Amino acid sequence: MSNKKFLLFFSLILFFNTCSKLGIDLEPPQVKDYYPHHNSYGIPQNSKIWIEFNEPMDKSSVEQNFKVEINGDSIAGKFQWDEFGEKFFYIFDKELISGAHYVVSLGKDATDKIGNKLTQSLLFSFYVGNDTTPPYVSSVIPANLSTNVNKNSDIYIYFSEPMDIKSVEDNFSISPEANGIFLWEDSNRTLHYHLTKPLNATTRYMVTVGENSADSAGLKLNNEYKFTFITGDTYSIPSVLGVYKNGDTRLPISSRFWSNHQQNVEKDSHIAVVFNKSMEHISTESAFSISPSISGSFTWLSISNETMIFHPDSDFKPETVYKLTIDSSAKDEDSHQLDKTFELYFVVNNSNSLYLRITNISANNGVKLEKDIINNVDLNLSETNTFIVKFNLNSQDKIDISSFQNNISITRIGGWGDSSYSGAIFDITYSYDYSTAYLKLGDLTTNNYYKLTFTGDSSGIKDIYKNYMKENVEFIFLTK
């Protein structure tokens, strides 16, 4: 052993020996006994807790580290010490709850008079009384989820044991409200809610018994209990009567309804769905879907809530088949679900809701140009060459001039002619009904390949109804 270690060891021995001779306490305090003992049952409701130590304690540190709880909630009380400060009693402010489980803890920071701490915490628990089983609802009348219940039927709730009347009545509710009085039967095991006014017809009622309802010993329900029933008299299940385009004013309303696989639907349609009774908004809107998907919002005809209108955020796609679905999760205002899932197909193919198409294009020599082949065009070198472009427009429709002019181009893509002739559009004129465009092309020469492009998609060529070509259309021709 080195000199330093020896001196340290000798100093410690000398210190403890001196403390012993002078009567200085270095021993940690210990718990000699406590009450109630851990996991005790049948503890009286007027009991006190006590803890005894092997020496006088610092009262303040003990009280600060002591706690009694039920389900994490602290239980109030007062401390009472013996004359030596070695034992204290904890006297509760209120009588203990029969059947309740109490947990007691004393932290190890509790100290004796000198300041020595406990070597470990103390933790114990006990049960008050012999009844430790919480009450429960064994059955109810009307039965949960029953339908066609008589409007004059009283409500009965059967408990597993006698109940504390006030706690149950304070935690009883029925929605919508129903007038009645409380009667108790079978030694307070049965709550009889006697109606003083008949229930509403065809109405869904929910009865709730709150979790703070307690038995006669003070034990509470583990969870709140709920049950529902629907009263009778002319009850009808909600269903979809039909679907139509909002804005259609024909009478009767049934004459507006679409058939399944409805044709001639317009792309800007807002869709009205008619039900046989007033519907609950949130569940009905959530049950609505359209495929291919299109986002939108809903409004309701405020008078009856029987008609829901879907407003798409954008137009439906032309020449597309859509499927409209309202699944059975949709509920009426009494929370009755739809009788079955409703499905309807419709086709967006009204004459003003078709893709724009080039039906014919011909060169100045009358030769019709075809897509996907190389067309031969005889040039008129002394003047401009006119190409005639016709579209699939009805009698009310016209080409949108601005979109047409900005979405046509011609480019030289090869050949053995003079490459400086790159092609150009000199002028565009239209027929009187704007269904045909006349393109005057110049800067052309023989023996070159040219590509005439008409831009499609939503940013391309359109008619006045904003219909557009589904894709780009290209024509390639060889000049002669």
Protein backbone atom coordinates (compact mmCIF):
# COMPACT_ATOMS: atom_id res chain seq x y z
CA MET A 1 0.00 0.00 0.00
CA SER A 2 1.34 3.46 -0.93
CA ASN A 3 1.89 6.14 1.71
CA LYS A 4 -1.04 8.26 0.37
CA LYS A 5 -3.53 5.35 0.48
CA PHE A 6 -2.36 4.41 3.96
CA LEU A 7 -2.81 7.96 5.25
CA LEU A 8 -6.36 8.14 3.72
CA PHE A 9 -7.36 4.81 5.27
CA PHE A 10 -5.94 5.82 8.66
CA SER A 11 -7.76 9.19 8.49
CA LEU A 12 -11.13 7.51 7.86
CA ILE A 13 -10.66 5.15 10.81
CA LEU A 14 -9.73 8.06 13.03
CA PHE A 15 -12.80 10.08 11.80
CA PHE A 16 -15.34 7.34 12.51
CA ASN A 17 -13.74 6.54 15.86
CA THR A 18 -13.92 10.22 16.88
CA CYS A 19 -17.58 10.50 15.73
CA SER A 20 -18.43 7.41 17.77
CA LYS A 21 -16.78 8.80 20.92
CA LEU A 22 -18.51 12.16 20.43
CA GLY A 23 -21.91 10.50 19.79
CA ILE A 24 -22.31 11.82 16.20
CA ASP A 25 -25.02 9.83 14.23
CA LEU A 26 -23.88 8.65 10.81
CA GLU A 27 -26.34 5.73 10.47
CA PRO A 28 -29.22 6.16 7.97
CA PRO A 29 -32.74 5.97 9.44
CA GLN A 30 -34.91 2.92 8.84
CA VAL A 31 -38.66 2.20 8.71
CA LYS A 32 -39.53 -0.15 11.61
CA ASP A 33 -43.15 -0.75 10.69
CA TYR A 34 -46.15 0.74 8.90
CA TYR A 35 -49.92 0.32 8.56
CA PRO A 36 -51.83 -0.85 6.58
CA HIS A 37 -49.44 -3.58 5.46
CA HIS A 38 -48.76 -4.08 1.77
CA ASN A 39 -51.65 -5.61 -0.23
CA SER A 40 -53.98 -5.61 2.79
CA TYR A 41 -57.69 -6.16 2.14
CA GLY A 42 -60.72 -5.19 4.21
CA ILE A 43 -59.23 -1.99 5.64
CA PRO A 44 -61.97 0.03 7.42
CA GLN A 45 -63.12 3.29 5.83
CA ASN A 46 -62.16 5.30 8.97
CA SER A 47 -58.59 3.98 9.06
CA LYS A 48 -55.42 6.06 9.45
CA ILE A 49 -52.01 5.41 7.92
CA TRP A 50 -48.99 5.31 10.23
CA ILE A 51 -45.28 4.82 9.69
CA GLU A 52 -42.75 4.21 12.52
CA PHE A 53 -38.97 4.85 12.28
CA ASN A 54 -36.05 3.63 14.38
CA GLU A 55 -35.05 7.18 15.38
CA PRO A 56 -36.41 10.73 15.47
CA MET A 57 -37.02 12.14 11.97
CA ASP A 58 -36.97 15.54 10.37
CA LYS A 59 -40.73 16.04 10.12
CA SER A 60 -40.63 18.51 7.23
CA SER A 61 -38.55 16.22 4.98
CA VAL A 62 -40.81 13.24 5.75
CA GLU A 63 -44.02 15.13 5.01
CA GLN A 64 -42.60 16.53 1.76
CA ASN A 65 -41.71 13.04 0.52
CA PHE A 66 -44.95 11.32 1.57
CA LYS A 67 -47.88 10.74 -0.80
CA VAL A 68 -51.17 8.78 -0.91
CA GLU A 69 -52.87 8.25 -4.30
CA ILE A 70 -55.83 6.64 -6.05
CA ASN A 71 -55.34 6.23 -9.80
CA GLY A 72 -52.66 8.92 -9.73
CA ASP A 73 -54.76 11.46 -7.80
CA SER A 74 -53.38 12.62 -4.44
CA ILE A 75 -55.58 12.14 -1.38
CA ALA A 76 -55.61 14.99 1.14
CA GLY A 77 -54.99 14.54 4.86
CA LYS A 78 -53.12 15.85 7.94
CA PHE A 79 -49.98 14.65 9.76
CA GLN A 80 -49.89 13.86 13.49
CA TRP A 81 -46.53 12.96 15.16
CA ASP A 82 -45.71 11.29 18.47
CA GLU A 83 -43.74 13.24 21.05
CA PHE A 84 -40.41 11.70 19.98
CA GLY A 85 -40.77 12.37 16.26
CA GLU A 86 -40.34 8.63 15.51
CA LYS A 87 -43.89 7.85 14.36
CA PHE A 88 -46.56 9.77 12.46
CA PHE A 89 -50.19 9.22 11.62
CA TYR A 90 -51.80 10.40 8.36
CA ILE A 91 -55.43 11.30 9.05
CA PHE A 92 -57.56 11.60 5.88
CA ASP A 93 -59.78 14.62 5.34
CA LYS A 94 -62.56 12.36 4.04
CA GLU A 95 -63.66 8.82 4.76
CA LEU A 96 -61.88 6.22 2.63
CA ILE A 97 -63.75 4.85 -0.40
CA SER A 98 -64.91 1.28 -0.03
CA GLY A 99 -63.37 -1.00 -2.62
CA ALA A 100 -60.76 1.56 -3.65
CA HIS A 101 -57.07 0.73 -4.10
CA TYR A 102 -54.77 3.19 -2.27
CA VAL A 103 -51.05 3.50 -3.01
CA VAL A 104 -48.68 4.99 -0.37
CA SER A 105 -45.12 6.14 -1.06
CA LEU A 106 -42.32 7.68 1.02
CA GLY A 107 -39.32 8.94 -0.95
CA LYS A 108 -35.77 8.15 0.13
CA ASP A 109 -35.00 11.87 0.52
CA ALA A 110 -36.75 11.77 3.92
CA THR A 111 -34.07 12.36 6.61
CA ASP A 112 -33.48 11.98 10.33
CA LYS A 113 -32.72 14.92 12.62
CA ILE A 114 -29.02 14.91 11.58
CA GLY A 115 -29.81 14.85 7.85
CA ASN A 116 -29.13 11.18 7.11
CA LYS A 117 -31.43 9.94 4.32
CA LEU A 118 -33.35 6.67 4.04
CA THR A 119 -31.42 4.05 2.12
CA GLN A 120 -34.46 3.25 -0.04
CA SER A 121 -37.99 4.45 -0.74
CA LEU A 122 -41.03 2.86 0.89
CA LEU A 123 -43.96 1.82 -1.31
CA PHE A 124 -47.07 -0.11 -0.25
CA SER A 125 -50.77 -0.34 -1.12
CA PHE A 126 -54.03 -1.55 0.40
CA TYR A 127 -57.72 -2.06 -0.39
CA VAL A 128 -60.55 -0.52 1.62
CA GLY A 129 -63.41 -2.85 2.48
CA ASN A 130 -64.05 -6.30 1.07
CA ASP A 131 -65.85 -5.13 -2.11
CA THR A 132 -63.20 -4.58 -4.79
CA THR A 133 -65.32 -5.35 -7.86
CA PRO A 134 -66.61 -2.30 -9.76
CA PRO A 135 -70.27 -2.29 -10.85
CA TYR A 136 -71.35 -2.78 -14.46
CA VAL A 137 -74.48 -2.56 -16.59
CA SER A 138 -75.79 -6.08 -17.12
CA SER A 139 -78.63 -5.29 -19.56
CA VAL A 140 -80.90 -2.53 -20.82
CA ILE A 141 -84.40 -2.04 -22.21
CA PRO A 142 -84.80 -1.15 -25.07
CA ALA A 143 -81.94 -3.36 -26.25
CA ASN A 144 -78.96 -1.70 -27.89
CA LEU A 145 -79.50 -1.00 -31.62
CA SER A 146 -83.16 -2.04 -31.48
CA THR A 147 -85.56 -0.46 -33.98
CA ASN A 148 -89.28 0.24 -34.20
CA VAL A 149 -89.37 0.86 -30.42
CA ASN A 150 -92.73 1.96 -29.03
CA LYS A 151 -92.77 5.71 -28.37
CA ASN A 152 -94.22 5.10 -24.90
CA SER A 153 -91.61 2.52 -23.84
CA ASP A 154 -89.87 3.35 -20.56
CA ILE A 155 -86.10 2.89 -20.22
CA TYR A 156 -84.64 0.31 -17.83
CA ILE A 157 -80.95 -0.03 -16.88
CA TYR A 158 -79.98 -3.11 -14.88
CA PHE A 159 -76.80 -2.95 -12.74
CA SER A 160 -74.77 -5.78 -11.27
CA GLU A 161 -75.25 -4.53 -7.70
CA PRO A 162 -76.99 -1.81 -5.66
CA MET A 163 -76.03 1.65 -6.86
CA ASP A 164 -75.54 5.08 -5.34
CA ILE A 165 -78.70 6.79 -6.59
CA LYS A 166 -77.38 10.36 -6.80
CA SER A 167 -74.19 9.46 -8.68
CA VAL A 168 -76.13 7.50 -11.32
CA GLU A 169 -78.83 10.13 -11.82
CA ASP A 170 -76.17 12.86 -12.06
CA ASN A 171 -74.40 10.88 -14.80
CA PHE A 172 -77.48 9.81 -16.79
CA SER A 173 -78.31 11.48 -20.12
CA ILE A 174 -80.49 10.82 -23.15
CA SER A 175 -80.13 12.50 -26.55
CA PRO A 176 -82.25 13.95 -27.97
CA GLU A 177 -83.80 15.03 -24.67
CA ALA A 178 -86.74 13.00 -23.38
CA ASN A 179 -88.92 14.06 -20.43
CA GLY A 180 -89.12 11.56 -17.57
CA ILE A 181 -88.58 10.81 -13.89
CA PHE A 182 -86.20 8.41 -12.10
CA LEU A 183 -87.62 5.37 -10.30
CA TRP A 184 -85.47 2.75 -8.56
CA GLU A 185 -86.29 -0.93 -8.18
CA ASP A 186 -84.76 -4.18 -6.91
CA SER A 187 -82.90 -2.59 -3.96
CA ASN A 188 -81.40 0.10 -6.21
CA ARG A 189 -80.11 -2.41 -8.75
CA THR A 190 -82.49 -1.21 -11.49
CA LEU A 191 -82.90 2.33 -12.78
CA HIS A 192 -86.37 2.83 -14.28
CA TYR A 193 -86.62 6.03 -16.35
CA HIS A 194 -90.37 6.62 -16.59
CA LEU A 195 -91.43 8.77 -19.54
CA THR A 196 -93.75 11.67 -18.81
CA LYS A 197 -94.09 12.43 -22.51
CA PRO A 198 -93.90 10.03 -25.51
CA LEU A 199 -90.66 9.84 -27.46
CA ASN A 200 -90.45 11.28 -30.96
CA ALA A 201 -91.39 8.99 -33.83
CA THR A 202 -88.71 7.52 -36.12
CA THR A 203 -85.92 9.01 -34.02
CA ARG A 204 -82.57 7.61 -32.98
CA TYR A 205 -81.98 8.01 -29.22
CA MET A 206 -78.69 7.54 -27.35
CA VAL A 207 -78.65 6.83 -23.61
CA THR A 208 -75.43 7.36 -21.64
CA VAL A 209 -74.51 6.23 -18.12
CA GLY A 210 -71.33 8.12 -17.20
CA GLU A 211 -68.24 6.48 -15.76
CA ASN A 212 -68.64 8.41 -12.48
CA SER A 213 -71.73 6.38 -11.64
CA ALA A 214 -70.88 4.45 -8.45
CA ASP A 215 -72.23 1.52 -6.44
CA SER A 216 -73.33 1.84 -2.83
CA ALA A 217 -69.74 1.21 -1.70
CA GLY A 218 -68.41 4.07 -3.85
CA LEU A 219 -66.83 1.98 -6.61
CA LYS A 220 -67.30 3.54 -10.06
CA LEU A 221 -68.01 1.99 -13.45
CA ASN A 222 -64.84 1.10 -15.34
CA ASN A 223 -66.16 2.95 -18.42
CA GLU A 224 -69.21 4.93 -19.45
CA TYR A 225 -72.01 2.82 -20.93
CA LYS A 226 -73.94 3.85 -24.04
CA PHE A 227 -76.77 2.28 -26.00
CA THR A 228 -79.00 3.44 -28.86
CA PHE A 229 -82.42 2.62 -30.22
CA ILE A 230 -84.78 3.93 -32.89
CA THR A 231 -88.44 4.60 -32.29
CA GLY A 232 -91.13 3.32 -34.65
CA ASP A 233 -94.07 4.71 -36.65
CA THR A 234 -93.46 5.33 -40.36
CA TYR A 235 -89.71 4.87 -40.17
CA SER A 236 -88.09 4.84 -43.62
CA ILE A 237 -84.56 3.92 -44.64
CA PRO A 238 -82.74 6.68 -46.57
CA SER A 239 -82.10 6.07 -50.26
CA VAL A 240 -81.04 7.93 -53.41
CA LEU A 241 -83.98 8.92 -55.61
CA GLY A 242 -81.87 10.14 -58.50
CA VAL A 243 -79.11 12.32 -59.95
CA TYR A 244 -79.40 15.22 -62.37
CA LYS A 245 -77.49 18.23 -63.70
CA ASN A 246 -77.97 21.17 -61.36
CA GLY A 247 -79.79 23.95 -63.22
CA ASP A 248 -82.18 21.61 -65.00
CA THR A 249 -85.60 23.10 -64.21
CA ARG A 250 -87.91 20.55 -65.80
CA LEU A 251 -90.87 19.41 -63.70
CA PRO A 252 -91.49 17.00 -62.15
CA ILE A 253 -87.99 16.55 -60.74
CA SER A 254 -88.03 12.85 -61.64
CA SER A 255 -88.01 13.86 -65.33
CA ARG A 256 -84.52 15.34 -64.80
CA PHE A 257 -82.96 12.16 -63.39
CA TRP A 258 -80.12 10.57 -65.31
CA SER A 259 -80.33 6.94 -66.32
CA ASN A 260 -77.42 4.62 -65.68
CA HIS A 261 -74.75 5.13 -68.38
CA GLN A 262 -76.26 8.56 -69.04
CA GLN A 263 -75.07 10.03 -72.36
CA ASN A 264 -74.71 13.66 -73.50
CA VAL A 265 -73.48 14.99 -70.17
CA GLU A 266 -71.82 18.40 -70.42
CA LYS A 267 -68.28 18.84 -69.13
CA ASP A 268 -69.20 21.83 -66.93
CA SER A 269 -72.05 20.00 -65.16
CA HIS A 270 -72.66 20.47 -61.44
CA ILE A 271 -74.32 17.33 -60.12
CA ALA A 272 -77.40 17.27 -57.87
CA VAL A 273 -78.17 14.13 -55.82
CA VAL A 274 -81.72 13.78 -54.49
CA PHE A 275 -82.52 11.65 -51.42
CA ASN A 276 -85.88 10.50 -50.09
CA LYS A 277 -85.37 12.28 -46.76
CA SER A 278 -83.20 14.88 -45.02
CA MET A 279 -79.56 13.79 -44.81
CA GLU A 280 -76.71 14.46 -42.39
CA HIS A 281 -74.15 16.54 -44.32
CA ILE A 282 -70.75 15.27 -43.16
CA SER A 283 -71.37 11.52 -43.57
CA THR A 284 -73.17 12.00 -46.91
CA GLU A 285 -70.44 14.18 -48.40
CA SER A 286 -67.79 11.71 -47.20
CA ALA A 287 -69.69 8.84 -48.85
CA PHE A 288 -69.71 10.63 -52.24
CA SER A 289 -67.00 9.89 -54.82
CA ILE A 290 -66.43 10.13 -58.58
CA SER A 291 -63.98 8.05 -60.61
CA PRO A 292 -61.80 9.13 -62.38
CA SER A 293 -61.28 11.41 -59.39
CA ILE A 294 -62.22 15.06 -59.55
CA SER A 295 -62.11 17.44 -56.59
CA GLY A 296 -64.92 19.79 -55.68
CA SER A 297 -67.18 21.19 -52.98
CA PHE A 298 -70.75 20.66 -51.79
CA THR A 299 -73.81 22.78 -51.14
CA TRP A 300 -77.28 21.74 -49.96
CA LEU A 301 -80.75 22.97 -50.76
CA SER A 302 -81.45 24.55 -47.38
CA ILE A 303 -85.19 23.93 -47.23
CA SER A 304 -85.13 20.17 -46.65
CA ASN A 305 -81.52 18.92 -46.83
CA GLU A 306 -82.74 16.29 -49.28
CA THR A 307 -80.66 17.54 -52.23
CA MET A 308 -76.86 17.70 -52.23
CA ILE A 309 -75.06 19.49 -55.07
CA PHE A 310 -71.47 18.68 -56.08
CA HIS A 311 -69.52 21.55 -57.63
CA PRO A 312 -66.38 20.30 -59.45
CA ASP A 313 -63.27 22.46 -59.15
CA SER A 314 -62.64 21.94 -62.89
CA ASP A 315 -64.47 20.66 -65.95
CA PHE A 316 -64.97 16.96 -66.50
CA LYS A 317 -62.77 15.54 -69.26
CA PRO A 318 -64.48 15.25 -72.66
CA GLU A 319 -65.41 11.81 -74.04
CA THR A 320 -64.80 10.18 -70.64
CA VAL A 321 -66.90 7.66 -68.72
CA TYR A 322 -67.29 8.55 -65.03
CA LYS A 323 -68.61 6.47 -62.14
CA LEU A 324 -70.53 8.25 -59.37
CA THR A 325 -70.75 6.39 -56.05
CA ILE A 326 -72.51 7.12 -52.75
CA ASP A 327 -71.64 4.33 -50.35
CA SER A 328 -73.87 3.08 -47.56
CA SER A 329 -72.05 5.07 -44.86
CA ALA A 330 -74.21 8.11 -45.78
CA LYS A 331 -76.70 8.80 -42.96
CA ASP A 332 -79.94 10.68 -42.60
CA GLU A 333 -80.48 13.24 -39.84
CA ASP A 334 -81.56 10.44 -37.46
CA SER A 335 -78.27 8.58 -38.17
CA HIS A 336 -79.93 5.84 -40.25
CA GLN A 337 -77.55 4.61 -42.94
CA LEU A 338 -78.30 4.45 -46.66
CA ASP A 339 -80.12 1.26 -47.63
CA LYS A 340 -77.36 0.27 -50.08
CA THR A 341 -74.47 1.71 -52.06
CA PHE A 342 -75.65 3.81 -55.01
CA GLU A 343 -73.71 3.74 -58.31
CA LEU A 344 -74.31 5.51 -61.62
CA TYR A 345 -72.17 5.81 -64.74
CA PHE A 346 -72.30 8.84 -67.04
CA VAL A 347 -70.51 9.85 -70.24
CA VAL A 348 -69.25 13.37 -70.93
CA ASN A 349 -69.98 13.56 -74.66
CA ASN A 350 -72.45 16.38 -75.23
CA SER A 351 -71.88 18.11 -78.58
CA ASN A 352 -70.25 21.04 -76.78
CA SER A 353 -68.09 18.71 -74.67
CA LEU A 354 -66.11 16.78 -77.27
CA TYR A 355 -62.42 16.91 -78.07
CA LEU A 356 -61.67 19.28 -80.92
CA ARG A 357 -60.57 17.41 -84.05
CA ILE A 358 -59.18 18.31 -87.44
CA THR A 359 -61.53 16.47 -89.81
CA ASN A 360 -59.79 17.44 -93.01
CA ILE A 361 -56.72 19.31 -94.24
CA SER A 362 -55.93 19.79 -97.90
CA ALA A 363 -53.20 21.56 -99.86
CA ASN A 364 -53.73 24.09 -102.64
CA ASN A 365 -53.76 21.34 -105.21
CA GLY A 366 -56.77 19.76 -103.47
CA VAL A 367 -54.75 16.83 -102.14
CA LYS A 368 -55.91 15.70 -98.70
CA LEU A 369 -53.10 15.39 -96.18
CA GLU A 370 -52.96 12.33 -93.97
CA LYS A 371 -51.29 11.84 -90.63
CA ASP A 372 -48.48 9.33 -90.12
CA ILE A 373 -47.40 9.37 -93.77
CA ILE A 374 -45.30 11.66 -95.97
CA ASN A 375 -47.65 13.64 -98.21
CA ASN A 376 -46.59 14.97 -101.61
CA VAL A 377 -47.53 18.60 -102.25
CA ASP A 378 -47.06 20.42 -105.57
CA LEU A 379 -46.01 23.97 -104.83
CA ASN A 380 -47.18 27.12 -106.55
CA LEU A 381 -43.88 28.97 -106.60
CA SER A 382 -45.32 32.19 -108.01
CA GLU A 383 -47.54 32.92 -104.99
CA THR A 384 -48.40 31.71 -101.50
CA ASN A 385 -49.79 28.23 -101.02
CA THR A 386 -53.13 27.81 -99.22
CA PHE A 387 -53.85 24.89 -96.88
CA ILE A 388 -57.49 24.39 -95.84
CA VAL A 389 -58.07 23.13 -92.27
CA LYS A 390 -61.56 21.96 -91.20
CA PHE A 391 -62.73 21.08 -87.67
CA ASN A 392 -65.55 19.00 -86.16
CA LEU A 393 -67.70 21.91 -85.00
CA ASN A 394 -71.48 22.01 -84.61
CA SER A 395 -73.61 24.83 -85.99
CA GLN A 396 -73.28 26.88 -82.77
CA ASP A 397 -69.54 26.43 -82.34
CA LYS A 398 -66.54 28.39 -83.65
CA ILE A 399 -62.78 28.25 -83.59
CA ASP A 400 -61.21 30.39 -80.86
CA ILE A 401 -59.11 32.57 -83.16
CA SER A 402 -56.52 33.60 -80.59
CA SER A 403 -55.71 30.05 -79.53
CA PHE A 404 -55.56 28.89 -83.17
CA GLN A 405 -53.13 31.57 -84.30
CA ASN A 406 -50.80 30.96 -81.35
CA ASN A 407 -50.63 27.20 -81.69
CA ILE A 408 -49.70 26.54 -85.32
CA SER A 409 -46.16 26.17 -86.61
CA ILE A 410 -44.32 24.99 -89.71
CA THR A 411 -40.69 23.84 -89.77
CA ARG A 412 -38.33 22.37 -92.38
CA ILE A 413 -37.21 18.92 -91.17
CA GLY A 414 -35.02 17.80 -94.09
CA GLY A 415 -34.77 17.24 -97.82
CA TRP A 416 -32.34 18.09 -100.60
CA GLY A 417 -33.83 21.45 -101.57
CA ASP A 418 -32.57 24.84 -100.52
CA SER A 419 -32.39 24.72 -96.70
CA SER A 420 -32.81 28.48 -96.38
CA TYR A 421 -36.50 28.03 -97.16
CA SER A 422 -37.60 27.13 -93.60
CA GLY A 423 -41.33 27.68 -94.09
CA ALA A 424 -43.59 30.40 -92.69
CA ILE A 425 -47.26 31.16 -92.09
CA PHE A 426 -48.01 34.40 -93.90
CA ASP A 427 -51.71 34.77 -93.15
CA ILE A 428 -54.79 33.03 -91.68
CA THR A 429 -58.39 33.62 -92.74
CA TYR A 430 -61.60 31.84 -91.75
CA SER A 431 -64.87 30.73 -93.27
CA TYR A 432 -68.02 32.69 -92.37
CA ASP A 433 -68.96 30.18 -89.64
CA TYR A 434 -65.38 29.89 -88.31
CA SER A 435 -65.37 26.12 -88.73
CA THR A 436 -62.66 26.24 -91.38
CA ALA A 437 -59.29 28.01 -91.41
CA TYR A 438 -57.26 28.93 -94.53
CA LEU A 439 -53.51 28.93 -93.97
CA LYS A 440 -51.35 30.83 -96.45
CA LEU A 441 -47.88 29.30 -96.32
CA GLY A 442 -44.76 30.78 -97.82
CA ASP A 443 -40.96 30.59 -97.68
CA LEU A 444 -41.22 27.15 -99.28
CA THR A 445 -39.25 25.56 -102.07
CA THR A 446 -39.23 22.19 -103.78
CA ASN A 447 -37.59 18.99 -102.56
CA ASN A 448 -37.87 19.80 -98.90
CA TYR A 449 -39.69 18.02 -96.06
CA TYR A 450 -41.87 20.27 -93.93
CA LYS A 451 -43.84 19.55 -90.75
CA LEU A 452 -47.05 21.42 -90.02
CA THR A 453 -47.94 21.18 -86.28
CA PHE A 454 -51.25 21.97 -84.55
CA THR A 455 -50.75 22.07 -80.77
CA GLY A 456 -53.29 20.19 -78.66
CA ASP A 457 -54.04 19.65 -74.94
CA SER A 458 -55.60 22.24 -72.63
CA SER A 459 -53.05 24.93 -73.54
CA GLY A 460 -53.44 24.42 -77.31
CA ILE A 461 -56.08 25.14 -79.96
CA LYS A 462 -59.64 25.53 -78.60
CA ASP A 463 -63.15 26.28 -79.73
CA ILE A 464 -65.35 28.90 -78.08
CA TYR A 465 -66.55 26.27 -75.55
CA LYS A 466 -62.93 25.77 -74.50
CA ASN A 467 -62.83 22.26 -75.97
CA TYR A 468 -59.32 21.37 -77.03
CA MET A 469 -57.56 18.75 -79.10
CA LYS A 470 -56.56 15.71 -77.04
CA GLU A 471 -53.00 15.80 -78.40
CA ASN A 472 -50.76 17.48 -80.96
CA VAL A 473 -51.59 16.83 -84.63
CA GLU A 474 -48.73 16.78 -87.16
CA PHE A 475 -48.68 16.58 -90.95
CA ILE A 476 -45.47 15.98 -92.92
CA PHE A 477 -45.27 16.79 -96.63
CA LEU A 478 -42.63 16.76 -99.36
CA THR A 479 -42.73 19.69 -101.74
CA LYS A 480 -42.55 19.07 -105.50
